[in-house]
Amino acid sequence: MSRLALDDVTKVFGDGESEVVAVEDVSIDIADGEFLVLVGPSGCGKSTTLRMIAGLETVTDGEIRLGDRVLNDVKTQDRDIAMVFQSYALYPHLTAERNMSFGLEESTEMSDADISERVEEVAGMMGIVDLLDRKPGQLSGGQQQRVALGRAIVRDPEVFLMDEPLSNLDAKLRAQMRTELQQLQEQLGVTTVYVTHDQTEAMTMGDRIAVMNDGKLQQLGEPLELYHEPSNLFVAEFIGEPSMNFLHGRISGATFVGDTLNYELDDDIIAATEGVDDAVVGVRPEDIEVLPRARVGDDSGHEFEMVATVVEPMGNENIVHLSFSDDRTEDDLVAVTEEPRAVEEGSTVVVRIPPEMVHVFDQTTGEAVHNRRVESSGRFATP
């Protein structure tokens, strides 16, 4: 196996006034056997990046390397890369067995017996031995997905590419396939690049995550690194469900002055925000404390009286939407409470924003100037 590297890769469609920069100066070094997830909203350039690695799109600038070999001008069939598509891309007139064996028949000199043995082996791994004589139209979505994965695995490639392979499945099957894909990738040890717009898939599956937006790489790191230490406002908002809360205002001495609240800053934040005027304070919903109203009167500058406008019961927890007034503003908050009956819709509560859980961003540049503290023995372990 070999390392896969993207070095200042750019893709431009069209020219002149119609020129569109789909991917701009993306550099990622992917280790041998690593599971890397490319994540971002629709149109961010993640699928285009994957297609350049596969050879389905040409590279406008930069290099893609597999080991010591530059792939820019290497034909798709000669790259030793297998791709799994969102639509599965199975041949409808062929059985599952023939779909899986077709690539080997066309691109290798393996005997029919060896190909049959290889297909049987992989089908056993995927749990689809009894489906090999069926055509795609006779298979469920999950079964078609397993056949598509099996077709890629039989080739024993150096790299797997997966373009939103679970997006057509229902929620329960998608969760099941996430687990199966992780186990399969660990078992095979093949370098894998996985594209998704679903940040839950990214957080649960990837060794590392590359967050993209508008064709640019926003941040590359381990899942919990992106969660606890986002590099900018976009990553902070995109990673995490529900999304991070943001309060807009300015830094005045030791106080963050917003439209609806004044928040006292601790020494770490004061030092980190020196020279920053307009700022955005961020706090994750699960880090907000919703307290009994009797607690009002705290003079720490971290507790505020708010109204629970909407309560979404989730079984073991509630998602609570909080407002400072009857009119919705950009300073409204969302909190997650662990006790399902702790908050009633329409009630007035006290909300505490712990200073150790606060992120601060430069409102002008969007860059993070301070991230929450993580108290743990490991760098990115959940506190």
Protein backbone atom coordinates (compact mmCIF):
# COMPACT_ATOMS: atom_id res chain seq x y z
CA MET A 1 0.00 0.00 0.00
CA SER A 2 1.05 3.65 -0.49
CA ARG A 3 0.35 7.11 0.78
CA LEU A 4 -2.06 9.24 -1.25
CA ALA A 5 -1.18 12.91 -1.47
CA LEU A 6 -2.90 15.97 -2.93
CA ASP A 7 -0.49 18.86 -3.41
CA ASP A 8 -2.08 22.28 -4.12
CA VAL A 9 -4.75 20.64 -6.29
CA THR A 10 -6.99 23.03 -8.23
CA LYS A 11 -9.86 22.33 -10.61
CA VAL A 12 -11.28 25.05 -12.86
CA PHE A 13 -14.29 24.51 -15.12
CA GLY A 14 -14.76 26.73 -18.17
CA ASP A 15 -12.63 29.75 -19.04
CA GLY A 16 -12.81 33.51 -19.26
CA GLU A 17 -15.96 35.02 -17.77
CA SER A 18 -17.55 31.58 -17.41
CA GLU A 19 -14.63 30.24 -15.35
CA VAL A 20 -15.65 28.44 -12.16
CA VAL A 21 -13.08 27.42 -9.56
CA ALA A 22 -14.52 24.21 -8.10
CA VAL A 23 -11.47 23.23 -6.02
CA GLU A 24 -8.73 25.66 -5.01
CA ASP A 25 -5.25 24.78 -3.72
CA VAL A 26 -6.27 21.72 -1.70
CA SER A 27 -3.38 19.89 -0.03
CA ILE A 28 -3.97 16.68 1.94
CA ASP A 29 -1.53 13.91 2.83
CA ILE A 30 -3.42 10.66 3.44
CA ALA A 31 -1.55 7.93 5.31
CA ASP A 32 -1.42 4.31 4.21
CA GLY A 33 -4.54 2.57 5.55
CA GLU A 34 -6.17 5.80 6.75
CA PHE A 35 -9.92 6.44 6.53
CA LEU A 36 -10.24 10.09 5.47
CA VAL A 37 -13.65 11.76 5.18
CA LEU A 38 -14.23 14.75 2.90
CA VAL A 39 -17.23 16.64 4.27
CA GLY A 40 -19.00 19.86 3.42
CA PRO A 41 -22.22 21.30 1.99
CA SER A 42 -23.42 20.65 -1.54
CA GLY A 43 -21.22 22.38 -4.10
CA CYS A 44 -18.19 22.67 -1.83
CA GLY A 45 -15.90 20.66 -4.16
CA LYS A 46 -15.65 17.38 -2.27
CA SER A 47 -17.01 15.13 -5.05
CA THR A 48 -14.92 16.96 -7.65
CA THR A 49 -11.85 16.27 -5.51
CA LEU A 50 -12.76 12.60 -5.35
CA ARG A 51 -13.31 12.44 -9.10
CA MET A 52 -9.87 13.97 -9.72
CA ILE A 53 -8.29 11.27 -7.56
CA ALA A 54 -10.19 8.64 -9.56
CA GLY A 55 -9.16 10.18 -12.88
CA LEU A 56 -12.73 11.05 -13.89
CA GLU A 57 -11.82 14.76 -13.89
CA THR A 58 -8.56 16.31 -15.04
CA VAL A 59 -6.41 18.35 -12.64
CA THR A 60 -6.07 22.00 -13.64
CA ASP A 61 -3.11 22.64 -11.35
CA GLY A 62 -1.19 20.81 -8.63
CA GLU A 63 -0.35 17.11 -8.26
CA ILE A 64 -2.04 13.94 -7.05
CA ARG A 65 0.43 11.23 -6.02
CA LEU A 66 0.06 7.61 -4.98
CA GLY A 67 3.33 6.65 -3.38
CA ASP A 68 6.04 8.05 -5.68
CA ARG A 69 3.82 7.97 -8.78
CA VAL A 70 2.15 11.16 -10.05
CA LEU A 71 -1.38 10.29 -11.16
CA ASN A 72 -2.32 13.45 -13.07
CA ASP A 73 -1.89 11.89 -16.52
CA VAL A 74 -2.47 8.24 -15.59
CA LYS A 75 -5.59 6.71 -17.10
CA THR A 76 -8.41 5.84 -14.71
CA GLN A 77 -8.10 2.08 -15.30
CA ASP A 78 -4.35 2.18 -14.56
CA ARG A 79 -4.54 3.94 -11.18
CA ASP A 80 -5.30 0.86 -9.02
CA ILE A 81 -8.15 2.78 -7.42
CA ALA A 82 -11.71 1.48 -6.91
CA MET A 83 -14.71 3.78 -6.55
CA VAL A 84 -18.15 3.22 -5.02
CA PHE A 85 -20.80 5.61 -6.37
CA GLN A 86 -23.83 7.15 -4.69
CA SER A 87 -26.10 5.51 -7.29
CA TYR A 88 -24.27 2.13 -6.92
CA ALA A 89 -23.83 2.10 -10.75
CA LEU A 90 -24.59 -1.62 -11.09
CA TYR A 91 -25.25 -3.15 -14.51
CA PRO A 92 -29.01 -3.88 -14.39
CA HIS A 93 -28.84 -6.79 -16.87
CA LEU A 94 -26.10 -8.64 -14.99
CA THR A 95 -26.39 -10.74 -11.84
CA ALA A 96 -24.70 -9.66 -8.65
CA GLU A 97 -21.95 -12.20 -9.32
CA ARG A 98 -21.30 -10.86 -12.83
CA ASN A 99 -21.36 -7.28 -11.55
CA MET A 100 -18.65 -8.18 -9.08
CA SER A 101 -16.54 -10.19 -11.52
CA PHE A 102 -16.84 -7.91 -14.56
CA GLY A 103 -13.96 -5.61 -13.62
CA LEU A 104 -11.59 -8.52 -13.01
CA GLU A 105 -12.56 -10.11 -16.32
CA GLU A 106 -11.84 -6.89 -18.23
CA SER A 107 -8.70 -5.65 -16.46
CA THR A 108 -6.80 -8.75 -15.32
CA GLU A 109 -5.54 -12.04 -16.70
CA MET A 110 -6.99 -14.06 -13.83
CA SER A 111 -8.56 -17.38 -14.78
CA ASP A 112 -12.32 -17.86 -14.55
CA ALA A 113 -11.79 -20.21 -11.62
CA ASP A 114 -9.67 -17.68 -9.73
CA ILE A 115 -12.18 -14.91 -10.40
CA SER A 116 -15.05 -17.09 -9.21
CA GLU A 117 -13.14 -17.96 -6.05
CA ARG A 118 -12.34 -14.32 -5.38
CA VAL A 119 -15.99 -13.27 -5.86
CA GLU A 120 -17.19 -16.05 -3.54
CA GLU A 121 -14.66 -14.98 -0.90
CA VAL A 122 -15.73 -11.33 -0.99
CA ALA A 123 -19.43 -12.22 -1.17
CA GLY A 124 -18.96 -14.22 2.02
CA MET A 125 -17.29 -11.23 3.64
CA MET A 126 -20.22 -9.01 2.61
CA GLY A 127 -22.91 -11.56 3.58
CA ILE A 128 -24.40 -11.76 0.07
CA VAL A 129 -23.48 -15.29 -1.08
CA ASP A 130 -27.16 -16.20 -1.45
CA LEU A 131 -27.79 -13.12 -3.61
CA LEU A 132 -25.17 -13.74 -6.30
CA ASP A 133 -27.64 -15.08 -8.86
CA ARG A 134 -30.01 -12.10 -8.52
CA LYS A 135 -30.04 -8.97 -10.69
CA PRO A 136 -29.98 -5.47 -9.14
CA GLY A 137 -33.72 -5.00 -9.67
CA GLN A 138 -34.34 -7.95 -7.36
CA LEU A 139 -32.22 -6.47 -4.55
CA SER A 140 -33.00 -3.94 -1.81
CA GLY A 141 -30.99 -0.73 -1.50
CA GLY A 142 -28.80 -2.19 1.22
CA GLN A 143 -28.15 -5.35 -0.81
CA GLN A 144 -27.25 -3.30 -3.89
CA GLN A 145 -24.86 -1.29 -1.75
CA ARG A 146 -23.14 -4.47 -0.58
CA VAL A 147 -22.78 -5.67 -4.17
CA ALA A 148 -21.28 -2.30 -5.16
CA LEU A 149 -18.83 -2.50 -2.27
CA GLY A 150 -18.03 -6.11 -3.14
CA ARG A 151 -17.29 -5.11 -6.74
CA ALA A 152 -14.71 -2.63 -5.44
CA ILE A 153 -13.20 -5.05 -2.91
CA VAL A 154 -12.63 -7.92 -5.36
CA ARG A 155 -10.16 -5.73 -7.24
CA ASP A 156 -7.93 -5.47 -4.14
CA PRO A 157 -7.05 -1.83 -4.97
CA GLU A 158 -4.55 0.42 -3.26
CA VAL A 159 -7.23 3.04 -2.60
CA PHE A 160 -11.01 2.99 -2.08
CA LEU A 161 -13.02 6.06 -3.08
CA MET A 162 -16.61 6.33 -1.81
CA ASP A 163 -18.95 9.09 -3.00
CA GLU A 164 -21.86 9.39 -0.53
CA PRO A 165 -22.53 5.63 -0.70
CA LEU A 166 -25.13 5.63 2.11
CA SER A 167 -27.25 8.62 1.13
CA ASN A 168 -29.95 6.52 -0.59
CA LEU A 169 -30.54 4.28 2.43
CA ASP A 170 -33.08 4.78 5.23
CA ALA A 171 -31.84 6.03 8.60
CA LYS A 172 -31.69 2.64 10.34
CA LEU A 173 -29.88 0.90 7.47
CA ARG A 174 -27.56 3.86 7.07
CA ALA A 175 -26.48 3.54 10.72
CA GLN A 176 -25.96 -0.21 10.28
CA MET A 177 -23.90 0.27 7.12
CA ARG A 178 -21.76 2.93 8.79
CA THR A 179 -20.65 0.34 11.33
CA GLU A 180 -20.13 -2.33 8.69
CA LEU A 181 -18.04 -0.01 6.52
CA GLN A 182 -15.80 0.93 9.44
CA GLN A 183 -15.25 -2.71 10.37
CA LEU A 184 -14.61 -3.65 6.74
CA GLN A 185 -12.09 -0.86 6.21
CA GLU A 186 -10.22 -1.81 9.40
CA GLN A 187 -10.21 -5.46 8.32
CA LEU A 188 -8.88 -4.70 4.83
CA GLY A 189 -6.54 -1.90 5.86
CA VAL A 190 -7.04 -0.10 2.55
CA THR A 191 -6.56 3.66 2.28
CA THR A 192 -10.06 5.11 1.92
CA VAL A 193 -11.39 8.54 0.93
CA TYR A 194 -15.07 8.91 1.78
CA VAL A 195 -17.23 11.83 0.66
CA THR A 196 -20.36 12.87 2.55
CA HIS A 197 -22.40 15.97 3.37
CA ASP A 198 -23.52 14.31 6.63
CA GLN A 199 -21.37 15.49 9.53
CA THR A 200 -22.61 12.59 11.68
CA GLU A 201 -21.09 10.13 9.19
CA ALA A 202 -17.90 12.18 9.17
CA MET A 203 -17.60 12.27 12.97
CA THR A 204 -18.32 8.57 13.49
CA MET A 205 -16.37 7.06 10.60
CA GLY A 206 -13.25 9.04 9.83
CA ASP A 207 -9.74 8.74 11.27
CA ARG A 208 -9.46 12.32 10.09
CA ILE A 209 -11.91 14.76 8.53
CA ALA A 210 -11.26 17.34 5.82
CA VAL A 211 -13.91 20.08 5.94
CA MET A 212 -14.43 21.91 2.64
CA ASN A 213 -16.41 25.00 1.67
CA ASP A 214 -16.48 26.96 -1.58
CA GLY A 215 -13.76 24.73 -3.02
CA LYS A 216 -11.32 25.43 -0.20
CA LEU A 217 -10.06 23.23 2.61
CA GLN A 218 -11.25 24.81 5.86
CA GLN A 219 -9.68 22.43 8.37
CA LEU A 220 -8.09 18.98 8.47
CA GLY A 221 -7.91 16.98 11.68
CA GLU A 222 -9.26 14.25 13.93
CA PRO A 223 -13.03 14.32 14.55
CA LEU A 224 -12.80 15.54 18.15
CA GLU A 225 -10.14 18.07 17.19
CA LEU A 226 -12.59 19.69 14.79
CA TYR A 227 -15.35 19.50 17.39
CA HIS A 228 -13.38 20.99 20.29
CA GLU A 229 -10.95 23.20 18.34
CA PRO A 230 -12.65 24.52 15.18
CA SER A 231 -10.37 26.82 13.22
CA ASN A 232 -13.12 29.15 12.05
CA LEU A 233 -16.83 29.95 12.21
CA PHE A 234 -17.72 27.69 9.29
CA VAL A 235 -16.19 24.57 10.87
CA ALA A 236 -17.68 25.44 14.26
CA GLU A 237 -21.16 25.69 12.77
CA PHE A 238 -20.88 22.69 10.43
CA ILE A 239 -19.49 20.18 12.94
CA GLY A 240 -21.91 19.25 15.71
CA GLU A 241 -25.65 18.60 15.91
CA PRO A 242 -27.43 20.77 16.96
CA SER A 243 -25.08 23.45 15.63
CA MET A 244 -23.01 25.71 17.84
CA ASN A 245 -24.77 28.84 19.16
CA PHE A 246 -23.29 32.20 18.13
CA LEU A 247 -23.62 35.58 19.86
CA HIS A 248 -22.45 38.66 17.94
CA GLY A 249 -21.01 41.72 19.62
CA ARG A 250 -17.78 43.46 20.60
CA ILE A 251 -15.05 43.13 23.20
CA SER A 252 -14.98 45.97 25.71
CA GLY A 253 -12.28 45.43 28.31
CA ALA A 254 -13.19 42.27 30.23
CA THR A 255 -16.73 42.14 28.85
CA PHE A 256 -18.31 40.81 25.68
CA VAL A 257 -21.08 43.30 24.83
CA GLY A 258 -23.84 41.80 22.71
CA ASP A 259 -27.20 43.08 21.57
CA THR A 260 -29.06 41.20 24.30
CA LEU A 261 -26.47 40.42 26.97
CA ASN A 262 -23.18 41.39 28.54
CA TYR A 263 -20.91 38.42 29.20
CA GLU A 264 -17.95 38.61 31.56
CA LEU A 265 -14.77 37.10 30.10
CA ASP A 266 -12.23 35.12 32.11
CA ASP A 267 -8.49 35.79 32.00
CA ASP A 268 -7.74 33.19 29.29
CA ILE A 269 -10.29 34.72 26.91
CA ILE A 270 -9.18 38.30 27.68
CA ALA A 271 -5.60 37.39 26.76
CA ALA A 272 -6.65 35.54 23.59
CA THR A 273 -8.89 38.34 22.33
CA GLU A 274 -6.41 41.17 22.75
CA GLY A 275 -6.66 43.36 19.66
CA VAL A 276 -10.04 41.93 18.62
CA ASP A 277 -12.89 44.43 18.52
CA ASP A 278 -15.90 42.81 16.84
CA ALA A 279 -16.26 39.23 18.04
CA VAL A 280 -18.53 36.19 17.96
CA VAL A 281 -18.94 34.10 21.10
CA GLY A 282 -19.78 30.45 20.43
CA VAL A 283 -21.09 27.79 22.79
CA ARG A 284 -22.32 24.31 21.99
CA PRO A 285 -25.92 23.40 22.98
CA GLU A 286 -24.78 20.55 25.22
CA ASP A 287 -22.48 22.94 27.14
CA ILE A 288 -25.28 25.32 28.12
CA GLU A 289 -26.75 24.74 31.57
CA VAL A 290 -30.50 25.29 32.06
CA LEU A 291 -31.11 26.00 35.75
CA PRO A 292 -34.13 26.51 38.03
CA ARG A 293 -35.40 30.08 37.96
CA ALA A 294 -34.62 30.39 41.66
CA ARG A 295 -30.95 30.71 40.72
CA VAL A 296 -31.49 34.18 39.21
CA GLY A 297 -29.49 36.89 40.93
CA ASP A 298 -26.09 35.38 40.23
CA ASP A 299 -23.58 38.20 39.76
CA SER A 300 -20.92 36.29 37.84
CA GLY A 301 -22.05 37.67 34.48
CA HIS A 302 -22.56 34.14 33.14
CA GLU A 303 -26.25 33.54 33.96
CA PHE A 304 -29.23 35.00 32.09
CA GLU A 305 -33.00 34.76 32.32
CA MET A 306 -34.55 33.38 29.09
CA VAL A 307 -37.84 31.90 27.84
CA ALA A 308 -38.06 28.32 26.58
CA THR A 309 -39.94 28.99 23.33
CA VAL A 310 -39.82 25.43 21.92
CA VAL A 311 -39.04 22.13 23.64
CA GLU A 312 -38.24 19.12 21.42
CA PRO A 313 -38.42 15.87 23.44
CA MET A 314 -35.89 13.30 22.20
CA GLY A 315 -36.55 10.59 24.78
CA ASN A 316 -33.45 10.70 26.96
CA GLU A 317 -32.98 14.45 26.49
CA ASN A 318 -34.69 17.63 25.33
CA ILE A 319 -33.59 20.13 22.73
CA VAL A 320 -34.66 23.49 24.12
CA HIS A 321 -34.93 26.68 22.06
CA LEU A 322 -34.36 29.75 24.21
CA SER A 323 -35.07 33.43 23.61
CA PHE A 324 -34.38 36.67 25.44
CA SER A 325 -37.68 38.14 24.18
CA ASP A 326 -40.88 37.25 22.36
CA ASP A 327 -39.27 38.20 19.04
CA ARG A 328 -36.71 35.82 17.56
CA THR A 329 -33.21 37.27 17.21
CA GLU A 330 -29.83 35.95 16.10
CA ASP A 331 -28.94 35.78 19.79
CA ASP A 332 -31.51 33.05 20.49
CA LEU A 333 -29.92 29.90 21.89
CA VAL A 334 -30.41 26.16 21.61
CA ALA A 335 -29.61 23.96 24.62
CA VAL A 336 -29.62 20.21 25.19
CA THR A 337 -30.89 19.09 28.59
CA GLU A 338 -30.34 15.54 29.86
CA GLU A 339 -33.49 15.46 32.01
CA PRO A 340 -36.54 15.15 29.70
CA ARG A 341 -38.99 16.87 32.09
CA ALA A 342 -36.65 19.60 33.33
CA VAL A 343 -38.03 22.37 31.08
CA GLU A 344 -41.57 23.18 29.96
CA GLU A 345 -42.40 25.11 26.82
CA GLY A 346 -43.19 28.76 27.60
CA SER A 347 -41.47 28.69 31.00
CA THR A 348 -38.86 31.18 32.12
CA VAL A 349 -35.53 29.63 33.05
CA VAL A 350 -32.02 30.67 33.97
CA VAL A 351 -29.38 29.86 31.40
CA ARG A 352 -25.73 29.55 32.42
CA ILE A 353 -22.92 29.75 29.86
CA PRO A 354 -19.80 28.36 31.55
CA PRO A 355 -16.72 30.45 30.61
CA GLU A 356 -14.57 27.31 30.22
CA MET A 357 -16.93 26.12 27.45
CA VAL A 358 -16.83 29.32 25.38
CA HIS A 359 -15.29 29.74 21.92
CA VAL A 360 -14.47 33.19 20.53
CA PHE A 361 -14.06 34.12 16.87
CA ASP A 362 -12.90 37.29 15.16
CA GLN A 363 -16.09 38.55 13.53
CA THR A 364 -14.14 40.24 10.71
CA THR A 365 -12.03 37.25 9.59
CA GLY A 366 -14.14 34.40 10.99
CA GLU A 367 -11.01 32.83 12.46
CA ALA A 368 -11.02 31.28 15.95
CA VAL A 369 -9.03 33.24 18.54
CA HIS A 370 -9.98 31.11 21.54
CA ASN A 371 -11.40 27.59 21.88
CA ARG A 372 -12.99 25.89 24.89
CA ARG A 373 -10.81 24.12 27.40
CA VAL A 374 -10.70 20.34 27.27
CA GLU A 375 -9.96 18.85 30.67
CA SER A 376 -8.88 15.25 30.05
CA SER A 377 -5.90 12.93 30.06
CA GLY A 378 -5.99 12.66 26.26
CA ARG A 379 -5.76 15.70 24.01
CA PHE A 380 -9.13 15.36 22.34
CA ALA A 381 -11.01 13.03 24.68
CA THR A 382 -14.54 14.11 25.52
CA PRO A 383 -14.47 16.09 28.79
